[in-house]
């Protein structure tokens, strides 16, 4: 396993040198150091381009230059995957309130206790790796969901094409009204689709030949009660322009949105009956 890589940002050169020496004695890799936030960002950017981005940044809150440690840490969080551990000789409420927004992986108070430092670094490294793994897992999951979503869209589009171009009229009736009908159904009955969907079961019965109505009503009642009977039947209907059509229909009980419904198909066989 590769040693944990650490970058030190400390404006006291003696503290930085001592910290580097002790960290190396613990077996850590010190990939660089800086006394200013600006040069720190440049160094880490170059290390990142080389594939050597440090895992941990020990960041002194009070730095020389225009950027303090908190602002520097914010930019590191925005650009890189480094875990920030703040170094501070003060424990004021203002400092903690500002630094909390950075979501640091830990704090070390000066003078630095190396055993405490080692424990804080190990915990920060573990948490950083866990967050990276979770991020990668989330990206993989999002990619999988996107793929499934695209597959579902294609599947829905395929079914929609089949339904829209079916030679059969396809309907679902629930609570004695149509909740779905395809365009072919409207064509068979000779009504616009929106108008057909507004029809009640009694409106549909009235479109049938008088000699067929009683039998259809009886069989529909049997179907709704769960009784068995032949699903296929031939009926005669009158279209909106009073043309007589012969239709073969098939009815099956289904569950639609958690409630019982009737799925019915209509096939126009008028031409076969006229020949």
C-alpha atoms as a PDB file:
ATOM      1  CA  UNK A   1       0.000   0.000   0.000  1.00  0.00           C
ATOM      2  CA  UNK A   2       1.338   3.426  -0.938  1.00  0.00           C
ATOM      3  CA  UNK A   3       2.090   5.817   1.941  1.00  0.00           C
ATOM      4  CA  UNK A   4      -0.361   8.634   2.576  1.00  0.00           C
ATOM      5  CA  UNK A   5       0.792  11.747   0.704  1.00  0.00           C
ATOM      6  CA  UNK A   6       0.671  15.062   2.552  1.00  0.00           C
ATOM      7  CA  UNK A   7       1.159  18.680   1.522  1.00  0.00           C
ATOM      8  CA  UNK A   8       2.058  21.206   4.238  1.00  0.00           C
ATOM      9  CA  UNK A   9       0.938  24.847   4.187  1.00  0.00           C
ATOM     10  CA  UNK A  10       2.629  26.616   7.114  1.00  0.00           C
ATOM     11  CA  UNK A  11       4.092  30.138   7.140  1.00  0.00           C
ATOM     12  CA  UNK A  12       6.572  29.369   9.972  1.00  0.00           C
ATOM     13  CA  UNK A  13       9.486  27.674   8.228  1.00  0.00           C
ATOM     14  CA  UNK A  14      10.844  26.021  11.373  1.00  0.00           C
ATOM     15  CA  UNK A  15       7.445  24.517  12.197  1.00  0.00           C
ATOM     16  CA  UNK A  16       7.039  23.367   8.571  1.00  0.00           C
ATOM     17  CA  UNK A  17      10.506  21.727   8.511  1.00  0.00           C
ATOM     18  CA  UNK A  18       9.972  20.009  11.873  1.00  0.00           C
ATOM     19  CA  UNK A  19       6.531  18.792  10.825  1.00  0.00           C
ATOM     20  CA  UNK A  20       7.890  17.439   7.537  1.00  0.00           C
ATOM     21  CA  UNK A  21      10.673  15.538   9.301  1.00  0.00           C
ATOM     22  CA  UNK A  22       8.358  13.958  11.858  1.00  0.00           C
ATOM     23  CA  UNK A  23       5.755  12.996   9.278  1.00  0.00           C
ATOM     24  CA  UNK A  24       8.392  11.275   7.172  1.00  0.00           C
ATOM     25  CA  UNK A  25       9.541   9.381  10.279  1.00  0.00           C
ATOM     26  CA  UNK A  26       5.961   8.092  10.626  1.00  0.00           C
ATOM     27  CA  UNK A  27       6.198   6.762   7.068  1.00  0.00           C
ATOM     28  CA  UNK A  28       4.154   9.451   5.336  1.00  0.00           C
ATOM     29  CA  UNK A  29       5.117  10.988   1.990  1.00  0.00           C
ATOM     30  CA  UNK A  30       5.440  14.778   2.100  1.00  0.00           C
ATOM     31  CA  UNK A  31       4.822  15.858  -1.481  1.00  0.00           C
ATOM     32  CA  UNK A  32       5.512  19.555  -0.927  1.00  0.00           C
ATOM     33  CA  UNK A  33       5.127  22.600   1.267  1.00  0.00           C
ATOM     34  CA  UNK A  34       4.366  26.298   0.973  1.00  0.00           C
ATOM     35  CA  UNK A  35       4.097  29.417   3.099  1.00  0.00           C
ATOM     36  CA  UNK A  36       1.409  31.085   0.948  1.00  0.00           C
ATOM     37  CA  UNK A  37      -2.012  30.091  -0.292  1.00  0.00           C
ATOM     38  CA  UNK A  38      -1.323  31.249  -3.844  1.00  0.00           C
ATOM     39  CA  UNK A  39       1.810  29.118  -4.279  1.00  0.00           C
ATOM     40  CA  UNK A  40       0.083  26.197  -2.554  1.00  0.00           C
ATOM     41  CA  UNK A  41      -2.663  26.191  -5.197  1.00  0.00           C
ATOM     42  CA  UNK A  42      -0.082  26.306  -7.988  1.00  0.00           C
ATOM     43  CA  UNK A  43       1.912  23.416  -6.486  1.00  0.00           C
ATOM     44  CA  UNK A  44      -1.133  21.190  -5.954  1.00  0.00           C
ATOM     45  CA  UNK A  45      -2.366  21.918  -9.484  1.00  0.00           C
ATOM     46  CA  UNK A  46       0.999  20.788 -10.878  1.00  0.00           C
ATOM     47  CA  UNK A  47       1.031  17.670  -8.663  1.00  0.00           C
ATOM     48  CA  UNK A  48      -2.483  16.887  -9.839  1.00  0.00           C
ATOM     49  CA  UNK A  49      -1.427  17.168 -13.486  1.00  0.00           C
ATOM     50  CA  UNK A  50       1.360  14.671 -12.720  1.00  0.00           C
ATOM     51  CA  UNK A  51      -1.080  12.262 -11.110  1.00  0.00           C
ATOM     52  CA  UNK A  52       0.412  12.933  -7.661  1.00  0.00           C
ATOM     53  CA  UNK A  53      -2.369  14.948  -6.027  1.00  0.00           C
ATOM     54  CA  UNK A  54      -1.816  14.836  -2.245  1.00  0.00           C
ATOM     55  CA  UNK A  55      -4.388  13.033  -0.135  1.00  0.00           C
ATOM     56  CA  UNK A  56      -4.021  15.352   2.865  1.00  0.00           C
ATOM     57  CA  UNK A  57      -3.331  19.078   3.120  1.00  0.00           C
ATOM     58  CA  UNK A  58      -2.209  20.335   6.521  1.00  0.00           C
ATOM     59  CA  UNK A  59      -3.383  23.938   6.308  1.00  0.00           C
ATOM     60  CA  UNK A  60      -2.316  26.704   8.675  1.00  0.00           C
ATOM     61  CA  UNK A  61      -5.241  29.085   9.032  1.00  0.00           C
ATOM     62  CA  UNK A  62      -3.051  32.220   9.315  1.00  0.00           C
ATOM     63  CA  UNK A  63      -0.906  32.604   6.186  1.00  0.00           C
ATOM     64  CA  UNK A  64       1.164  35.324   4.582  1.00  0.00           C
ATOM     65  CA  UNK A  65      -0.224  36.850   1.422  1.00  0.00           C
ATOM     66  CA  UNK A  66      -3.684  37.903   0.337  1.00  0.00           C
ATOM     67  CA  UNK A  67      -5.391  34.541   1.028  1.00  0.00           C
ATOM     68  CA  UNK A  68      -5.603  33.010   4.467  1.00  0.00           C
ATOM     69  CA  UNK A  69      -5.809  29.273   5.045  1.00  0.00           C
ATOM     70  CA  UNK A  70      -9.602  29.169   5.049  1.00  0.00           C
ATOM     71  CA  UNK A  71      -9.912  30.824   1.613  1.00  0.00           C
ATOM     72  CA  UNK A  72      -7.106  28.640   0.274  1.00  0.00           C
ATOM     73  CA  UNK A  73      -8.809  25.518   1.619  1.00  0.00           C
ATOM     74  CA  UNK A  74     -12.059  26.566  -0.040  1.00  0.00           C
ATOM     75  CA  UNK A  75     -10.363  26.753  -3.428  1.00  0.00           C
ATOM     76  CA  UNK A  76      -8.656  23.405  -2.864  1.00  0.00           C
ATOM     77  CA  UNK A  77     -12.042  21.828  -2.107  1.00  0.00           C
ATOM     78  CA  UNK A  78     -13.489  23.334  -5.280  1.00  0.00           C
ATOM     79  CA  UNK A  79     -10.683  22.062  -7.533  1.00  0.00           C
ATOM     80  CA  UNK A  80      -9.147  18.947  -5.982  1.00  0.00           C
ATOM     81  CA  UNK A  81      -9.873  15.832  -3.893  1.00  0.00           C
ATOM     82  CA  UNK A  82      -7.635  16.682  -0.947  1.00  0.00           C
ATOM     83  CA  UNK A  83      -8.715  16.260   2.669  1.00  0.00           C
ATOM     84  CA  UNK A  84      -8.114  19.488   4.620  1.00  0.00           C
ATOM     85  CA  UNK A  85      -6.799  19.396   8.189  1.00  0.00           C
ATOM     86  CA  UNK A  86      -6.494  22.860   9.715  1.00  0.00           C
ATOM     87  CA  UNK A  87      -3.533  23.901  11.858  1.00  0.00           C
ATOM     88  CA  UNK A  88      -4.188  26.742  14.262  1.00  0.00           C
ATOM     89  CA  UNK A  89      -2.703  28.295  17.353  1.00  0.00           C
ATOM     90  CA  UNK A  90      -6.056  29.835  18.239  1.00  0.00           C
ATOM     91  CA  UNK A  91      -9.404  28.335  19.122  1.00  0.00           C
ATOM     92  CA  UNK A  92     -11.655  31.350  18.698  1.00  0.00           C
ATOM     93  CA  UNK A  93     -15.313  30.908  17.832  1.00  0.00           C
ATOM     94  CA  UNK A  94     -14.942  33.121  14.762  1.00  0.00           C
ATOM     95  CA  UNK A  95     -12.217  30.918  13.268  1.00  0.00           C
ATOM     96  CA  UNK A  96     -14.220  27.737  13.790  1.00  0.00           C
ATOM     97  CA  UNK A  97     -17.406  29.243  12.381  1.00  0.00           C
ATOM     98  CA  UNK A  98     -15.565  30.323   9.207  1.00  0.00           C
ATOM     99  CA  UNK A  99     -13.696  27.079   8.788  1.00  0.00           C
ATOM    100  CA  UNK A 100     -16.733  24.836   9.413  1.00  0.00           C
ATOM    101  CA  UNK A 101     -18.120  25.923   6.043  1.00  0.00           C
ATOM    102  CA  UNK A 102     -15.100  24.285   4.375  1.00  0.00           C
ATOM    103  CA  UNK A 103     -16.059  20.950   5.972  1.00  0.00           C
ATOM    104  CA  UNK A 104     -12.525  20.114   7.132  1.00  0.00           C
ATOM    105  CA  UNK A 105     -11.503  16.569   8.012  1.00  0.00           C
ATOM    106  CA  UNK A 106      -9.948  17.674  11.299  1.00  0.00           C
ATOM    107  CA  UNK A 107      -8.219  20.343  13.434  1.00  0.00           C
ATOM    108  CA  UNK A 108      -4.794  20.315  15.052  1.00  0.00           C
ATOM    109  CA  UNK A 109      -3.913  22.860  17.703  1.00  0.00           C
ATOM    110  CA  UNK A 110      -0.383  24.230  18.020  1.00  0.00           C
ATOM    111  CA  UNK A 111       1.967  23.212  19.536  1.00  0.00           C
ATOM    112  CA  UNK A 112       1.361  20.082  17.502  1.00  0.00           C
ATOM    113  CA  UNK A 113       1.151  16.704  19.219  1.00  0.00           C
ATOM    114  CA  UNK A 114       2.459  14.165  16.694  1.00  0.00           C
ATOM    115  CA  UNK A 115       0.495  11.200  18.056  1.00  0.00           C
ATOM    116  CA  UNK A 116      -2.690  13.231  17.767  1.00  0.00           C
ATOM    117  CA  UNK A 117      -1.548  14.353  14.301  1.00  0.00           C
ATOM    118  CA  UNK A 118      -0.982  10.759  13.171  1.00  0.00           C
ATOM    119  CA  UNK A 119      -4.436   9.685  14.361  1.00  0.00           C
ATOM    120  CA  UNK A 120      -6.097  12.700  12.698  1.00  0.00           C
ATOM    121  CA  UNK A 121      -4.297  12.018   9.393  1.00  0.00           C
ATOM    122  CA  UNK A 122      -5.274   8.332   9.397  1.00  0.00           C
ATOM    123  CA  UNK A 123      -8.933   9.138  10.064  1.00  0.00           C
ATOM    124  CA  UNK A 124      -8.955  11.911   7.432  1.00  0.00           C
ATOM    125  CA  UNK A 125      -7.374   9.592   4.832  1.00  0.00           C
ATOM    126  CA  UNK A 126      -9.939   6.875   5.547  1.00  0.00           C
ATOM    127  CA  UNK A 127     -12.868   9.325   5.325  1.00  0.00           C
ATOM    128  CA  UNK A 128     -11.484  10.861   2.109  1.00  0.00           C
ATOM    129  CA  UNK A 129     -11.146   7.474   0.431  1.00  0.00           C
ATOM    130  CA  UNK A 130     -14.638   6.535   1.576  1.00  0.00           C
ATOM    131  CA  UNK A 131     -16.081   9.743   0.110  1.00  0.00           C
ATOM    132  CA  UNK A 132     -14.275   9.143  -3.190  1.00  0.00           C
ATOM    133  CA  UNK A 133     -15.596   5.566  -3.315  1.00  0.00           C
ATOM    134  CA  UNK A 134     -19.107   6.821  -2.557  1.00  0.00           C
ATOM    135  CA  UNK A 135     -18.805   9.471  -5.276  1.00  0.00           C
ATOM    136  CA  UNK A 136     -17.651   6.881  -7.819  1.00  0.00           C
ATOM    137  CA  UNK A 137     -20.451   4.539  -6.732  1.00  0.00           C
ATOM    138  CA  UNK A 138     -22.992   7.350  -7.092  1.00  0.00           C
ATOM    139  CA  UNK A 139     -21.688   8.185 -10.574  1.00  0.00           C
ATOM    140  CA  UNK A 140     -21.888   4.506 -11.581  1.00  0.00           C
ATOM    141  CA  UNK A 141     -25.408   4.340 -10.175  1.00  0.00           C
ATOM    142  CA  UNK A 142     -26.439   7.519 -12.001  1.00  0.00           C
ATOM    143  CA  UNK A 143     -24.976   6.128 -15.230  1.00  0.00           C
ATOM    144  CA  UNK A 144     -26.868   2.870 -14.718  1.00  0.00           C
ATOM    145  CA  UNK A 145     -30.108   4.729 -13.979  1.00  0.00           C
ATOM    146  CA  UNK A 146     -29.570   6.907 -17.057  1.00  0.00           C
ATOM    147  CA  UNK A 147     -29.028   3.775 -19.143  1.00  0.00           C
ATOM    148  CA  UNK A 148     -32.143   2.143 -17.686  1.00  0.00           C
ATOM    149  CA  UNK A 149     -34.079   5.362 -18.213  1.00  0.00           C
ATOM    150  CA  UNK A 150     -32.984   5.476 -21.848  1.00  0.00           C
ATOM    151  CA  UNK A 151     -33.881   1.798 -22.279  1.00  0.00           C
ATOM    152  CA  UNK A 152     -37.296   2.455 -20.714  1.00  0.00           C
ATOM    153  CA  UNK A 153     -37.837   5.428 -23.014  1.00  0.00           C
ATOM    154  CA  UNK A 154     -36.978   3.270 -26.019  1.00  0.00           C
ATOM    155  CA  UNK A 155     -39.242   0.492 -24.754  1.00  0.00           C
ATOM    156  CA  UNK A 156     -42.104   2.927 -24.176  1.00  0.00           C
ATOM    157  CA  UNK A 157     -41.543   4.420 -27.639  1.00  0.00           C
ATOM    158  CA  UNK A 158     -41.625   0.934 -29.163  1.00  0.00           C
ATOM    159  CA  UNK A 159     -44.874   0.044 -27.388  1.00  0.00           C
ATOM    160  CA  UNK A 160     -46.334   3.412 -28.333  1.00  0.00           C
ATOM    161  CA  UNK A 161     -45.474   2.726 -31.981  1.00  0.00           C
ATOM    162  CA  UNK A 162     -47.114  -0.694 -31.769  1.00  0.00           C
ATOM    163  CA  UNK A 163     -50.221   0.695 -30.068  1.00  0.00           C
ATOM    164  CA  UNK A 164     -50.546   3.646 -32.443  1.00  0.00           C
ATOM    165  CA  UNK A 165     -50.159   1.463 -35.528  1.00  0.00           C
ATOM    166  CA  UNK A 166     -52.139  -1.554 -34.401  1.00  0.00           C
ATOM    167  CA  UNK A 167     -54.816  -2.902 -36.727  1.00  0.00           C
ATOM    168  CA  UNK A 168     -56.882  -3.530 -33.598  1.00  0.00           C
ATOM    169  CA  UNK A 169     -58.658  -1.061 -31.430  1.00  0.00           C
ATOM    170  CA  UNK A 170     -57.250  -1.303 -27.896  1.00  0.00           C
ATOM    171  CA  UNK A 171     -59.103  -0.036 -24.834  1.00  0.00           C
ATOM    172  CA  UNK A 172     -59.139  -0.218 -21.048  1.00  0.00           C
ATOM    173  CA  UNK A 173     -62.426   0.363 -19.256  1.00  0.00           C
ATOM    174  CA  UNK A 174     -62.625   1.001 -15.538  1.00  0.00           C
ATOM    175  CA  UNK A 175     -65.553   2.123 -13.412  1.00  0.00           C
ATOM    176  CA  UNK A 176     -67.774   1.947 -16.515  1.00  0.00           C
ATOM    177  CA  UNK A 177     -65.738   4.456 -18.513  1.00  0.00           C
ATOM    178  CA  UNK A 178     -62.780   4.309 -20.872  1.00  0.00           C
ATOM    179  CA  UNK A 179     -59.461   5.286 -19.307  1.00  0.00           C
ATOM    180  CA  UNK A 180     -57.483   4.396 -22.423  1.00  0.00           C
ATOM    181  CA  UNK A 181     -58.148   3.907 -26.133  1.00  0.00           C
ATOM    182  CA  UNK A 182     -55.800   3.949 -29.100  1.00  0.00           C
ATOM    183  CA  UNK A 183     -56.387   5.809 -32.357  1.00  0.00           C
ATOM    184  CA  UNK A 184     -57.541   2.664 -34.170  1.00  0.00           C
ATOM    185  CA  UNK A 185     -60.478   2.313 -31.762  1.00  0.00           C
ATOM    186  CA  UNK A 186     -61.661   5.811 -32.635  1.00  0.00           C
ATOM    187  CA  UNK A 187     -61.254   5.044 -36.343  1.00  0.00           C
ATOM    188  CA  UNK A 188     -63.363   1.891 -36.083  1.00  0.00           C
ATOM    189  CA  UNK A 189     -66.201   3.691 -34.316  1.00  0.00           C
ATOM    190  CA  UNK A 190     -65.822   6.807 -36.452  1.00  0.00           C
ATOM    191  CA  UNK A 191     -65.362   9.323 -33.649  1.00  0.00           C
ATOM    192  CA  UNK A 192     -62.472  11.598 -32.647  1.00  0.00           C
ATOM    193  CA  UNK A 193     -60.407   9.944 -29.921  1.00  0.00           C
ATOM    194  CA  UNK A 194     -61.156  12.562 -27.273  1.00  0.00           C
ATOM    195  CA  UNK A 195     -64.895  12.247 -27.892  1.00  0.00           C
ATOM    196  CA  UNK A 196     -64.718   8.436 -27.814  1.00  0.00           C
ATOM    197  CA  UNK A 197     -62.888   8.519 -24.456  1.00  0.00           C
ATOM    198  CA  UNK A 198     -65.744  10.572 -23.010  1.00  0.00           C
ATOM    199  CA  UNK A 199     -68.274   7.808 -23.787  1.00  0.00           C
ATOM    200  CA  UNK A 200     -69.806   5.866 -20.925  1.00  0.00           C
ATOM    201  CA  UNK A 201     -70.579   2.178 -21.156  1.00  0.00           C
ATOM    202  CA  UNK A 202     -74.211   3.008 -21.968  1.00  0.00           C
ATOM    203  CA  UNK A 203     -73.067   5.254 -24.840  1.00  0.00           C
ATOM    204  CA  UNK A 204     -71.111   2.331 -26.300  1.00  0.00           C
ATOM    205  CA  UNK A 205     -74.043  -0.026 -25.895  1.00  0.00           C
ATOM    206  CA  UNK A 206     -76.223   2.437 -27.811  1.00  0.00           C
ATOM    207  CA  UNK A 207     -73.792   2.276 -30.739  1.00  0.00           C
ATOM    208  CA  UNK A 208     -74.437  -1.462 -31.070  1.00  0.00           C
ATOM    209  CA  UNK A 209     -77.025  -3.137 -33.213  1.00  0.00           C
ATOM    210  CA  UNK A 210     -80.216  -3.556 -31.115  1.00  0.00           C
ATOM    211  CA  UNK A 211     -80.098  -7.334 -31.591  1.00  0.00           C
ATOM    212  CA  UNK A 212     -76.619  -7.505 -29.989  1.00  0.00           C
ATOM    213  CA  UNK A 213     -77.108  -5.220 -27.008  1.00  0.00           C
ATOM    214  CA  UNK A 214     -78.751  -7.576 -24.539  1.00  0.00           C
ATOM    215  CA  UNK A 215     -76.145 -10.288 -25.034  1.00  0.00           C
ATOM    216  CA  UNK A 216     -73.254  -7.825 -24.678  1.00  0.00           C
ATOM    217  CA  UNK A 217     -74.693  -6.353 -21.483  1.00  0.00           C
ATOM    218  CA  UNK A 218     -75.201  -9.834 -20.025  1.00  0.00           C
ATOM    219  CA  UNK A 219     -71.683 -10.985 -20.855  1.00  0.00           C
ATOM    220  CA  UNK A 220     -70.131  -7.768 -19.537  1.00  0.00           C
ATOM    221  CA  UNK A 221     -71.921  -8.233 -16.222  1.00  0.00           C
ATOM    222  CA  UNK A 222     -70.620 -11.806 -16.058  1.00  0.00           C
ATOM    223  CA  UNK A 223     -67.123 -10.555 -16.816  1.00  0.00           C
ATOM    224  CA  UNK A 224     -67.237  -7.933 -14.077  1.00  0.00           C
ATOM    225  CA  UNK A 225     -68.501 -10.531 -11.571  1.00  0.00           C
ATOM    226  CA  UNK A 226     -65.545 -12.785 -12.382  1.00  0.00           C
ATOM    227  CA  UNK A 227     -67.576 -15.513 -14.085  1.00  0.00           C
ATOM    228  CA  UNK A 228     -66.071 -17.512 -16.959  1.00  0.00           C
ATOM    229  CA  UNK A 229     -67.486 -17.127 -20.482  1.00  0.00           C
ATOM    230  CA  UNK A 230     -66.120 -17.056 -24.028  1.00  0.00           C
ATOM    231  CA  UNK A 231     -63.899 -13.981 -24.362  1.00  0.00           C
ATOM    232  CA  UNK A 232     -64.327 -13.614 -28.131  1.00  0.00           C
ATOM    233  CA  UNK A 233     -67.538 -12.430 -29.697  1.00  0.00           C
ATOM    234  CA  UNK A 234     -68.797 -10.716 -32.828  1.00  0.00           C
ATOM    235  CA  UNK A 235     -70.988  -7.673 -32.641  1.00  0.00           C
ATOM    236  CA  UNK A 236     -72.436  -5.127 -35.037  1.00  0.00           C
ATOM    237  CA  UNK A 237     -71.995  -1.412 -34.437  1.00  0.00           C
ATOM    238  CA  UNK A 238     -73.132   1.808 -36.056  1.00  0.00           C
ATOM    239  CA  UNK A 239     -70.461   4.417 -36.688  1.00  0.00           C
ATOM    240  CA  UNK A 240     -70.912   8.157 -36.283  1.00  0.00           C
ATOM    241  CA  UNK A 241     -72.058   8.402 -39.909  1.00  0.00           C
ATOM    242  CA  UNK A 242     -74.537   5.495 -39.390  1.00  0.00           C
ATOM    243  CA  UNK A 243     -72.533   2.877 -41.273  1.00  0.00           C
ATOM    244  CA  UNK A 244     -72.992  -0.692 -40.077  1.00  0.00           C
ATOM    245  CA  UNK A 245     -69.772  -2.471 -39.145  1.00  0.00           C
ATOM    246  CA  UNK A 246     -69.024  -6.015 -38.048  1.00  0.00           C
ATOM    247  CA  UNK A 247     -66.512  -6.112 -35.201  1.00  0.00           C
ATOM    248  CA  UNK A 248     -64.805  -8.986 -33.450  1.00  0.00           C
ATOM    249  CA  UNK A 249     -64.079  -8.101 -29.857  1.00  0.00           C
ATOM    250  CA  UNK A 250     -62.074  -9.742 -27.113  1.00  0.00           C
ATOM    251  CA  UNK A 251     -62.435  -8.872 -23.412  1.00  0.00           C
ATOM    252  CA  UNK A 252     -60.178  -9.783 -20.515  1.00  0.00           C
ATOM    253  CA  UNK A 253     -60.187  -8.802 -16.845  1.00  0.00           C
ATOM    254  CA  UNK A 254     -56.983  -6.988 -15.824  1.00  0.00           C
ATOM    255  CA  UNK A 255     -55.643  -4.880 -12.954  1.00  0.00           C
ATOM    256  CA  UNK A 256     -54.997  -1.254 -13.897  1.00  0.00           C
ATOM    257  CA  UNK A 257     -53.411   1.079 -11.336  1.00  0.00           C
ATOM    258  CA  UNK A 258     -54.295  -1.359  -8.601  1.00  0.00           C
ATOM    259  CA  UNK A 259     -57.982  -1.662  -9.502  1.00  0.00           C
ATOM    260  CA  UNK A 260     -59.964  -4.173 -11.598  1.00  0.00           C
ATOM    261  CA  UNK A 261     -60.563  -3.170 -15.197  1.00  0.00           C
ATOM    262  CA  UNK A 262     -61.525  -4.635 -18.563  1.00  0.00           C
ATOM    263  CA  UNK A 263     -59.025  -4.745 -21.406  1.00  0.00           C
ATOM    264  CA  UNK A 264     -60.933  -4.947 -24.703  1.00  0.00           C
ATOM    265  CA  UNK A 265     -59.798  -5.210 -28.319  1.00  0.00           C
ATOM    266  CA  UNK A 266     -61.830  -4.419 -31.440  1.00  0.00           C
ATOM    267  CA  UNK A 267     -61.104  -5.817 -34.906  1.00  0.00           C
ATOM    268  CA  UNK A 268     -63.026  -4.514 -37.895  1.00  0.00           C
ATOM    269  CA  UNK A 269     -64.121  -7.570 -39.950  1.00  0.00           C
ATOM    270  CA  UNK A 270     -66.743  -5.777 -42.047  1.00  0.00           C
ATOM    271  CA  UNK A 271     -65.016  -6.516 -45.347  1.00  0.00           C
ATOM    272  CA  UNK A 272     -64.882 -10.246 -44.546  1.00  0.00           C
ATOM    273  CA  UNK A 273     -68.613 -10.330 -43.816  1.00  0.00           C
ATOM    274  CA  UNK A 274     -69.455  -8.527 -47.047  1.00  0.00           C
ATOM    275  CA  UNK A 275     -67.597 -10.971 -49.268  1.00  0.00           C
END
